[in-house]
N, C-alpha and C. Protein backbone atom coordinates (compact mmCIF):
# COMPACT_ATOMS: atom_id res chain seq x y z
N MET A 1 -43.28 32.24 11.12
CA MET A 1 -41.73 31.58 10.42
C MET A 1 -40.89 30.63 11.70
N MET A 2 -40.74 29.44 11.18
CA MET A 2 -39.26 28.42 12.17
C MET A 2 -37.76 29.44 11.41
N ASN A 3 -37.01 29.66 12.84
CA ASN A 3 -36.03 29.96 12.46
C ASN A 3 -34.97 28.98 12.04
N LYS A 4 -34.00 29.05 11.58
CA LYS A 4 -32.91 27.96 11.66
C LYS A 4 -32.33 26.56 11.96
N GLU A 5 -32.09 26.84 13.51
CA GLU A 5 -32.06 25.85 14.41
C GLU A 5 -32.92 24.77 14.27
N VAL A 6 -34.40 25.20 14.20
CA VAL A 6 -35.37 24.20 14.37
C VAL A 6 -35.76 23.85 12.68
N LEU A 7 -35.58 24.20 11.88
CA LEU A 7 -35.05 23.75 10.46
C LEU A 7 -33.72 22.58 10.71
N ILE A 8 -33.05 22.96 10.87
CA ILE A 8 -32.10 22.06 11.21
C ILE A 8 -32.10 20.83 11.55
N LEU A 9 -32.89 20.87 12.95
CA LEU A 9 -33.13 19.78 13.48
C LEU A 9 -34.29 18.88 13.13
N PHE A 10 -35.31 19.60 12.43
CA PHE A 10 -36.29 18.45 11.79
C PHE A 10 -36.00 18.46 10.15
N PHE A 11 -34.85 18.74 9.58
CA PHE A 11 -34.34 17.85 8.37
C PHE A 11 -33.24 16.92 8.49
N SER A 12 -32.87 17.35 9.89
CA SER A 12 -31.61 15.79 10.11
C SER A 12 -32.53 15.08 10.73
N LEU A 13 -33.40 15.33 11.42
CA LEU A 13 -34.65 13.82 11.82
C LEU A 13 -35.41 13.24 11.14
N LEU A 14 -35.36 14.06 9.85
CA LEU A 14 -36.66 13.76 8.71
C LEU A 14 -35.45 12.81 7.67
N LEU A 15 -33.90 13.46 7.35
CA LEU A 15 -33.44 12.78 6.93
C LEU A 15 -32.64 11.41 7.14
N SER A 16 -32.54 11.47 8.88
CA SER A 16 -32.22 10.56 9.58
C SER A 16 -33.12 8.82 9.37
N VAL A 17 -34.66 9.57 9.88
CA VAL A 17 -35.67 8.40 9.38
C VAL A 17 -35.76 7.92 8.17
N GLY A 18 -35.64 9.04 7.13
CA GLY A 18 -35.72 8.36 5.90
C GLY A 18 -34.87 7.32 4.90
N LEU A 19 -33.47 7.80 5.73
CA LEU A 19 -32.28 7.02 5.21
C LEU A 19 -32.22 5.75 5.79
N LEU A 20 -32.66 5.60 7.50
CA LEU A 20 -32.78 4.39 7.59
C LEU A 20 -34.08 3.81 7.47
N LEU A 21 -34.80 3.90 7.43
CA LEU A 21 -35.95 2.79 6.17
C LEU A 21 -35.47 3.06 5.29
N LYS A 22 -35.25 3.77 4.66
CA LYS A 22 -34.61 3.28 2.58
C LYS A 22 -33.54 2.82 2.65
N TYR A 23 -32.56 2.69 3.04
CA TYR A 23 -31.07 1.69 3.36
C TYR A 23 -30.82 0.85 3.99
N ILE A 24 -31.33 0.48 5.29
CA ILE A 24 -31.06 -0.33 6.19
C ILE A 24 -31.99 -1.96 5.89
N PRO A 25 -30.86 -3.15 5.30
CA PRO A 25 -31.50 -4.15 4.98
C PRO A 25 -32.84 -4.82 5.81
N LYS A 26 -33.56 -5.58 5.17
CA LYS A 26 -34.26 -6.41 6.70
C LYS A 26 -33.65 -7.36 7.36
N GLU A 27 -33.01 -7.66 6.47
CA GLU A 27 -32.18 -8.61 7.43
C GLU A 27 -31.50 -8.45 8.07
N ARG A 28 -30.77 -6.88 8.29
CA ARG A 28 -30.09 -6.61 9.32
C ARG A 28 -30.38 -5.46 9.86
N LYS A 29 -32.03 -5.40 10.39
CA LYS A 29 -32.32 -4.58 11.32
C LYS A 29 -32.31 -4.95 13.04
N ARG A 30 -31.86 -6.34 13.22
CA ARG A 30 -31.81 -6.37 14.11
C ARG A 30 -30.51 -5.72 14.99
N GLU A 31 -29.07 -5.80 14.17
CA GLU A 31 -28.20 -5.24 14.02
C GLU A 31 -28.21 -3.51 14.12
N ALA A 32 -29.16 -3.30 13.19
CA ALA A 32 -29.26 -1.25 13.14
C ALA A 32 -30.05 -0.94 14.88
N HIS A 33 -30.93 -2.21 15.26
CA HIS A 33 -31.70 -1.91 16.04
C HIS A 33 -30.77 -0.99 17.59
N ILE A 34 -29.73 -2.50 17.87
CA ILE A 34 -28.77 -2.32 18.87
C ILE A 34 -27.52 -1.51 18.50
N THR A 35 -27.45 -0.99 17.36
CA THR A 35 -26.41 0.28 16.96
C THR A 35 -26.91 0.97 17.23
N PHE A 36 -28.08 1.11 17.12
CA PHE A 36 -28.48 2.85 17.62
C PHE A 36 -28.94 3.00 18.56
N LEU A 37 -29.55 2.11 19.58
CA LEU A 37 -29.66 2.64 21.32
C LEU A 37 -28.49 2.08 21.42
N PHE A 38 -27.03 1.79 21.20
CA PHE A 38 -25.92 2.03 21.82
C PHE A 38 -25.70 2.96 21.56
N VAL A 39 -25.17 3.34 20.35
CA VAL A 39 -24.42 4.58 20.02
C VAL A 39 -25.77 5.94 20.72
N GLN A 40 -27.13 5.38 20.72
CA GLN A 40 -27.16 7.06 22.06
C GLN A 40 -26.79 6.98 23.16
N THR A 41 -26.39 5.97 23.56
CA THR A 41 -26.01 5.61 25.06
C THR A 41 -24.83 6.36 25.47
N ILE A 42 -23.81 5.69 24.18
CA ILE A 42 -22.97 6.59 24.16
C ILE A 42 -22.52 7.66 23.88
N ALA A 43 -23.63 8.58 23.16
CA ALA A 43 -23.61 10.08 22.50
C ALA A 43 -24.30 11.09 24.06
N TRP A 44 -24.84 10.13 24.87
CA TRP A 44 -25.63 10.64 26.05
C TRP A 44 -24.39 10.94 26.63
N VAL A 45 -23.55 9.98 27.05
CA VAL A 45 -22.14 10.09 28.05
C VAL A 45 -21.47 10.80 27.28
N TYR A 46 -21.18 10.94 26.21
CA TYR A 46 -20.18 12.12 25.76
C TYR A 46 -20.98 13.35 25.61
N GLU A 47 -21.76 13.57 25.48
CA GLU A 47 -22.35 14.94 25.37
C GLU A 47 -22.11 15.38 26.94
N TYR A 48 -22.64 14.30 27.93
CA TYR A 48 -22.96 14.63 29.40
C TYR A 48 -21.58 15.28 29.99
N MET A 49 -20.24 14.91 29.29
CA MET A 49 -18.97 15.23 29.70
C MET A 49 -18.79 16.44 29.13
N GLN A 50 -18.99 16.12 28.11
CA GLN A 50 -18.82 17.60 26.86
C GLN A 50 -19.37 19.44 27.98
N VAL A 51 -20.75 18.86 28.20
CA VAL A 51 -21.28 19.78 29.21
C VAL A 51 -20.73 20.07 30.30
N ILE A 52 -20.42 19.23 30.84
CA ILE A 52 -19.75 19.31 32.35
C ILE A 52 -19.13 20.26 32.73
N PHE A 53 -17.78 19.76 31.74
CA PHE A 53 -16.48 20.49 31.71
C PHE A 53 -16.28 21.32 30.81
N LYS A 54 -17.83 21.74 30.31
CA LYS A 54 -17.52 23.15 29.30
C LYS A 54 -16.49 23.17 28.31
N TRP A 55 -16.81 21.88 27.99
CA TRP A 55 -15.98 21.99 26.28
C TRP A 55 -16.91 22.39 25.09
N VAL A 56 -18.38 22.23 25.10
CA VAL A 56 -19.38 22.79 24.49
C VAL A 56 -20.39 23.45 25.19
N GLU A 57 -21.36 24.18 24.41
CA GLU A 57 -22.21 24.92 24.97
C GLU A 57 -23.36 24.40 24.00
N PHE A 58 -24.72 24.15 24.33
CA PHE A 58 -25.68 24.14 23.35
C PHE A 58 -26.63 25.30 23.87
N PRO A 59 -26.43 26.28 22.77
CA PRO A 59 -27.62 27.60 23.31
C PRO A 59 -29.04 27.35 22.73
N TYR A 60 -28.83 26.61 21.90
CA TYR A 60 -30.45 26.58 21.72
C TYR A 60 -30.62 25.02 21.37
N ARG A 61 -31.71 24.93 22.57
CA ARG A 61 -32.04 23.24 23.35
C ARG A 61 -33.38 23.02 23.09
N GLU A 62 -34.41 21.83 22.46
CA GLU A 62 -35.17 21.75 22.65
C GLU A 62 -36.23 21.35 23.82
N PHE A 63 -35.08 21.13 24.77
CA PHE A 63 -36.07 21.02 26.12
C PHE A 63 -35.06 22.05 27.41
N ASN A 64 -35.16 23.25 26.93
CA ASN A 64 -34.46 24.38 27.31
C ASN A 64 -34.05 24.24 29.05
N PHE A 65 -35.75 24.00 29.37
CA PHE A 65 -35.24 24.07 30.96
C PHE A 65 -35.00 22.80 31.72
N ALA A 66 -35.43 21.54 31.05
CA ALA A 66 -35.03 19.98 31.62
C ALA A 66 -33.36 19.71 31.59
N THR A 67 -32.91 20.72 30.50
CA THR A 67 -31.34 19.70 30.56
C THR A 67 -30.79 21.20 30.00
N LYS A 68 -29.22 21.05 30.23
CA LYS A 68 -28.23 22.23 29.55
C LYS A 68 -27.28 21.55 27.71
N MET A 69 -28.55 20.06 27.88
CA MET A 69 -27.52 19.37 26.47
C MET A 69 -28.87 19.22 25.48
N SER A 70 -28.16 19.27 23.89
CA SER A 70 -29.08 19.01 23.60
C SER A 70 -29.78 17.47 22.94
N PHE A 71 -30.98 17.40 22.10
CA PHE A 71 -31.68 15.99 22.27
C PHE A 71 -31.47 15.37 20.97
N SER A 72 -32.32 15.97 20.28
CA SER A 72 -32.26 15.18 18.25
C SER A 72 -30.73 15.19 17.64
N MET A 73 -29.60 15.76 17.87
CA MET A 73 -28.69 15.39 17.26
C MET A 73 -27.81 14.56 17.61
N HIS A 74 -28.12 13.86 19.14
CA HIS A 74 -27.21 13.33 19.88
C HIS A 74 -28.57 11.80 20.06
N TYR A 75 -29.61 11.98 19.72
CA TYR A 75 -30.58 11.02 19.76
C TYR A 75 -30.52 10.20 18.91
N PHE A 76 -30.61 10.70 17.39
CA PHE A 76 -30.99 10.72 16.31
C PHE A 76 -30.71 10.44 14.97
N THR A 77 -30.04 11.98 15.17
CA THR A 77 -28.73 12.00 14.17
C THR A 77 -27.19 11.68 14.09
N TYR A 78 -27.09 11.82 15.38
CA TYR A 78 -25.74 10.66 15.69
C TYR A 78 -25.78 9.34 15.25
N PRO A 79 -26.76 8.84 16.04
CA PRO A 79 -27.19 7.07 16.20
C PRO A 79 -26.98 6.92 14.92
N THR A 80 -27.61 7.64 13.50
CA THR A 80 -27.54 7.15 12.84
C THR A 80 -26.69 7.08 12.14
N PHE A 81 -26.06 8.03 11.82
CA PHE A 81 -23.68 7.87 11.61
C PHE A 81 -23.77 6.68 12.01
N GLY A 82 -24.20 6.15 13.38
CA GLY A 82 -23.51 5.10 13.94
C GLY A 82 -24.31 3.73 13.44
N VAL A 83 -24.93 3.62 12.62
CA VAL A 83 -26.24 2.92 12.51
C VAL A 83 -25.36 2.16 10.54
N PHE A 84 -24.97 3.68 10.03
CA PHE A 84 -24.66 3.07 8.89
C PHE A 84 -22.60 2.94 8.56
N PHE A 85 -22.14 2.98 9.66
CA PHE A 85 -21.14 3.25 10.13
C PHE A 85 -20.90 1.61 9.96
N ILE A 86 -21.79 0.84 11.31
CA ILE A 86 -21.68 -0.59 11.52
C ILE A 86 -22.24 -1.46 10.14
N ILE A 87 -23.74 -0.75 9.51
CA ILE A 87 -24.05 -1.65 8.56
C ILE A 87 -23.14 -1.54 6.95
N PHE A 88 -22.43 -0.71 7.12
CA PHE A 88 -21.09 -1.04 5.43
C PHE A 88 -19.44 -0.98 5.90
N TYR A 89 -20.01 -1.66 7.17
CA TYR A 89 -18.17 -1.50 7.57
C TYR A 89 -17.41 -2.72 6.81
N PRO A 90 -16.10 -2.73 6.21
CA PRO A 90 -15.96 -2.67 5.39
C PRO A 90 -15.47 -4.48 6.12
N HIS A 91 -15.99 -5.11 6.37
CA HIS A 91 -15.05 -6.60 7.73
C HIS A 91 -13.97 -6.99 6.94
N HIS A 92 -13.85 -7.37 5.59
CA HIS A 92 -12.95 -8.52 4.94
C HIS A 92 -11.92 -7.72 4.24
N LYS A 93 -11.80 -6.52 4.44
CA LYS A 93 -11.02 -5.66 3.89
C LYS A 93 -9.61 -5.25 4.68
N GLY A 94 -9.03 -5.14 4.19
CA GLY A 94 -6.95 -4.77 4.99
C GLY A 94 -7.59 -3.60 6.22
N LYS A 95 -6.14 -4.31 7.35
CA LYS A 95 -6.27 -3.07 8.70
C LYS A 95 -6.59 -1.64 7.79
N LEU A 96 -5.64 -1.19 6.92
CA LEU A 96 -5.51 0.60 6.89
C LEU A 96 -6.21 0.59 5.85
N ARG A 97 -7.38 -0.32 5.60
CA ARG A 97 -8.96 -0.13 4.49
C ARG A 97 -10.14 0.73 5.58
N ARG A 98 -9.74 -0.50 6.55
CA ARG A 98 -10.37 -0.52 7.69
C ARG A 98 -10.13 0.87 8.80
N PHE A 99 -9.28 1.16 8.99
CA PHE A 99 -8.65 2.34 9.35
C PHE A 99 -9.43 3.57 8.77
N ILE A 100 -9.39 3.79 7.30
CA ILE A 100 -9.47 4.68 7.07
C ILE A 100 -10.90 5.25 6.70
N TYR A 101 -11.47 3.65 6.67
CA TYR A 101 -13.30 3.76 7.17
C TYR A 101 -13.57 4.43 8.22
N ILE A 102 -12.73 4.23 9.56
CA ILE A 102 -12.91 4.38 10.91
C ILE A 102 -12.81 6.24 10.51
N PHE A 103 -11.79 6.44 10.28
CA PHE A 103 -11.32 7.92 10.25
C PHE A 103 -12.12 8.57 9.13
N LEU A 104 -12.27 8.15 7.96
CA LEU A 104 -13.29 9.12 7.37
C LEU A 104 -14.65 9.45 8.18
N PHE A 105 -15.05 8.34 8.83
CA PHE A 105 -16.51 8.21 9.15
C PHE A 105 -16.22 9.22 10.72
N ALA A 106 -15.43 9.16 11.52
CA ALA A 106 -14.89 10.35 12.33
C ALA A 106 -15.14 11.19 11.54
N VAL A 107 -14.02 12.04 10.73
CA VAL A 107 -14.33 13.18 9.95
C VAL A 107 -15.62 13.69 9.46
N ALA A 108 -16.45 12.74 9.03
CA ALA A 108 -18.17 12.78 8.35
C ALA A 108 -18.65 13.91 9.35
N ILE A 109 -18.72 12.98 10.95
CA ILE A 109 -19.35 13.03 12.33
C ILE A 109 -18.85 14.53 12.39
N SER A 110 -17.69 14.98 12.81
CA SER A 110 -16.58 15.96 12.82
C SER A 110 -16.93 17.60 11.77
N THR A 111 -16.88 17.03 11.12
CA THR A 111 -17.38 18.17 10.14
C THR A 111 -18.54 18.35 10.03
N TYR A 112 -19.80 17.52 9.81
CA TYR A 112 -21.17 17.81 10.33
C TYR A 112 -21.33 18.39 11.41
N THR A 113 -20.44 18.43 12.47
CA THR A 113 -20.92 19.17 14.12
C THR A 113 -20.19 20.78 13.63
N SER A 114 -18.97 20.46 13.22
CA SER A 114 -18.91 21.94 12.66
C SER A 114 -19.54 22.71 12.00
N LEU A 115 -19.64 22.30 11.17
CA LEU A 115 -20.87 23.22 10.48
C LEU A 115 -22.17 23.43 10.76
N ILE A 116 -22.64 22.63 11.52
CA ILE A 116 -24.16 22.79 12.61
C ILE A 116 -23.63 23.74 14.07
N GLU A 117 -21.85 24.37 14.22
CA GLU A 117 -21.86 25.13 15.46
C GLU A 117 -21.46 26.19 14.21
N HIS A 118 -20.45 26.14 13.08
CA HIS A 118 -20.58 27.77 12.30
C HIS A 118 -21.31 28.28 11.88
N TYR A 119 -22.64 27.61 11.64
CA TYR A 119 -23.69 28.23 10.94
C TYR A 119 -25.31 28.05 11.83
N SER A 120 -25.21 27.47 12.63
CA SER A 120 -26.44 28.07 13.85
C SER A 120 -26.02 28.00 15.38
N SER A 121 -26.61 27.96 16.17
CA SER A 121 -26.83 28.20 17.92
C SER A 121 -27.13 26.62 18.41
N LEU A 122 -27.13 25.56 17.84
CA LEU A 122 -27.38 24.24 17.94
C LEU A 122 -26.42 23.81 18.99
N ILE A 123 -24.94 24.10 19.07
CA ILE A 123 -23.48 23.94 19.79
C ILE A 123 -22.69 25.20 19.25
N GLU A 124 -21.86 24.88 20.41
CA GLU A 124 -20.98 26.34 20.43
C GLU A 124 -19.61 25.55 21.01
N PHE A 125 -18.44 25.43 20.54
CA PHE A 125 -17.47 25.15 21.45
C PHE A 125 -16.80 25.89 22.01
N LYS A 126 -16.64 25.56 23.43
CA LYS A 126 -15.83 26.27 23.92
C LYS A 126 -14.52 26.02 24.22
N LYS A 127 -14.21 24.48 24.31
CA LYS A 127 -12.91 24.19 25.01
C LYS A 127 -12.49 23.25 23.99
N TRP A 128 -13.10 23.12 22.83
CA TRP A 128 -13.41 22.06 21.45
C TRP A 128 -13.36 22.94 20.16
N ASN A 129 -12.67 21.72 19.59
CA ASN A 129 -12.22 22.38 17.98
C ASN A 129 -12.33 20.89 17.23
N TRP A 130 -12.18 21.10 15.96
CA TRP A 130 -12.84 19.92 14.84
C TRP A 130 -12.01 18.88 15.29
N TYR A 131 -10.77 19.05 15.94
CA TYR A 131 -9.75 18.15 15.86
C TYR A 131 -9.59 17.21 16.78
N LEU A 132 -10.28 17.85 18.36
CA LEU A 132 -11.08 17.07 18.70
C LEU A 132 -12.33 16.20 18.82
N SER A 133 -12.68 16.51 17.92
CA SER A 133 -14.09 16.23 17.74
C SER A 133 -13.36 15.25 17.06
N VAL A 134 -12.82 14.87 15.92
CA VAL A 134 -12.52 13.55 14.98
C VAL A 134 -12.14 12.77 15.93
N LEU A 135 -10.63 13.03 16.99
CA LEU A 135 -10.09 12.22 17.75
C LEU A 135 -10.90 11.34 18.66
N SER A 136 -11.87 12.17 19.23
CA SER A 136 -13.11 11.41 19.84
C SER A 136 -13.75 10.64 19.58
N ASN A 137 -14.07 11.13 17.95
CA ASN A 137 -15.02 10.26 17.31
C ASN A 137 -14.76 9.22 16.66
N PHE A 138 -13.70 9.24 16.49
CA PHE A 138 -12.45 7.94 16.08
C PHE A 138 -12.59 7.07 17.10
N ILE A 139 -12.48 7.06 18.28
CA ILE A 139 -12.36 6.17 19.33
C ILE A 139 -13.46 5.68 19.99
N ILE A 140 -14.52 6.77 19.97
CA ILE A 140 -16.24 6.38 19.82
C ILE A 140 -16.76 5.23 19.05
N LEU A 141 -16.13 5.47 17.65
CA LEU A 141 -16.39 4.37 16.57
C LEU A 141 -15.70 3.02 16.71
N CYS A 142 -14.69 3.37 16.95
CA CYS A 142 -13.99 2.03 17.83
C CYS A 142 -14.91 1.35 18.58
N VAL A 143 -15.07 1.99 19.78
CA VAL A 143 -16.01 1.49 20.65
C VAL A 143 -17.34 0.64 20.33
N ILE A 144 -18.24 1.64 19.52
CA ILE A 144 -19.31 1.29 18.86
C ILE A 144 -19.03 -0.23 18.29
N LYS A 145 -17.74 -0.25 17.35
CA LYS A 145 -17.75 -1.40 16.30
C LYS A 145 -17.45 -2.54 17.20
N ARG A 146 -16.81 -2.19 18.32
CA ARG A 146 -16.31 -3.63 19.30
C ARG A 146 -17.05 -3.92 20.05
N PHE A 147 -18.16 -3.09 20.73
CA PHE A 147 -19.67 -3.47 20.95
C PHE A 147 -20.66 -4.62 20.44
N VAL A 148 -20.37 -3.80 18.87
CA VAL A 148 -22.06 -4.13 18.34
C VAL A 148 -21.06 -5.76 17.94
N PHE A 149 -20.15 -5.71 17.15
CA PHE A 149 -19.52 -7.18 16.72
C PHE A 149 -19.81 -8.05 17.70
N TRP A 150 -19.15 -7.82 18.82
CA TRP A 150 -19.61 -8.72 20.10
C TRP A 150 -20.80 -8.78 20.34
N PHE A 151 -21.90 -7.94 20.58
CA PHE A 151 -23.28 -8.09 20.36
C PHE A 151 -23.54 -9.50 19.16
N LYS A 152 -23.15 -8.63 18.22
CA LYS A 152 -23.51 -9.42 16.78
C LYS A 152 -23.38 -11.16 17.20
N LYS A 153 -22.06 -11.59 18.05
CA LYS A 153 -21.90 -12.82 17.90
C LYS A 153 -23.00 -13.59 18.81
N GLY A 154 -23.21 -13.03 19.98
CA GLY A 154 -24.85 -13.58 20.43
C GLY A 154 -25.83 -13.76 20.36
N LEU A 155 -26.18 -12.64 19.63
CA LEU A 155 -27.26 -12.70 18.45
C LEU A 155 -26.95 -14.01 17.08
N PHE A 156 -25.89 -14.14 16.90
CA PHE A 156 -25.50 -15.53 15.67
C PHE A 156 -25.96 -16.43 16.47
N LYS A 157 -25.36 -16.48 17.65
CA LYS A 157 -25.03 -17.97 18.46
C LYS A 157 -26.95 -18.22 18.85
N MET A 158 -27.87 -17.15 19.65
CA MET A 158 -29.17 -17.39 19.74
C MET A 158 -30.03 -17.90 18.56
N GLY A 159 -29.42 -17.54 17.43
CA GLY A 159 -30.56 -17.88 16.19
C GLY A 159 -30.17 -18.97 15.84
N HIS A 160 -28.82 -19.67 16.27
CA HIS A 160 -28.45 -21.26 16.09
C HIS A 160 -28.85 -22.47 17.07
N ASP A 161 -29.48 -21.79 18.13
CA ASP A 161 -29.70 -22.46 19.49
C ASP A 161 -31.71 -22.40 19.10
N SER A 162 -32.09 -21.53 18.67
CA SER A 162 -33.35 -21.64 18.82
C SER A 162 -33.56 -22.82 17.87
């Protein structure tokens, strides 16, 4: 019988892949790819800092001897959140609506992480909490948005030059 940590990781991965395959429009796959890769990079740095400063621990890890960091959550699940954040971003709405959108995504990611922390051994908050998570996720989402929209301008120009 599998333990709950393996089940959570398995279903998170399965759900991530399923949602990406089903809901990413064909014409936006390039944007989804660059977003996914960039979020993986940001997630690695973010997670590395959390571990180094002992803000969080990952008692259950896929690669227990190789690293003190989690793999699946930060390389599949969180990048999936990032992709959907970008794909459904309300470009042509007012500033307040865009702020609320970013805030709600930050709350969703933080709540997901807090539930994982509370009900499993995948993550353990040491000097961390839900509020810090919302704040840091809000900032990270702003960085992701800035990078992807900047990068997308280059892709758009490349498409018209060829």
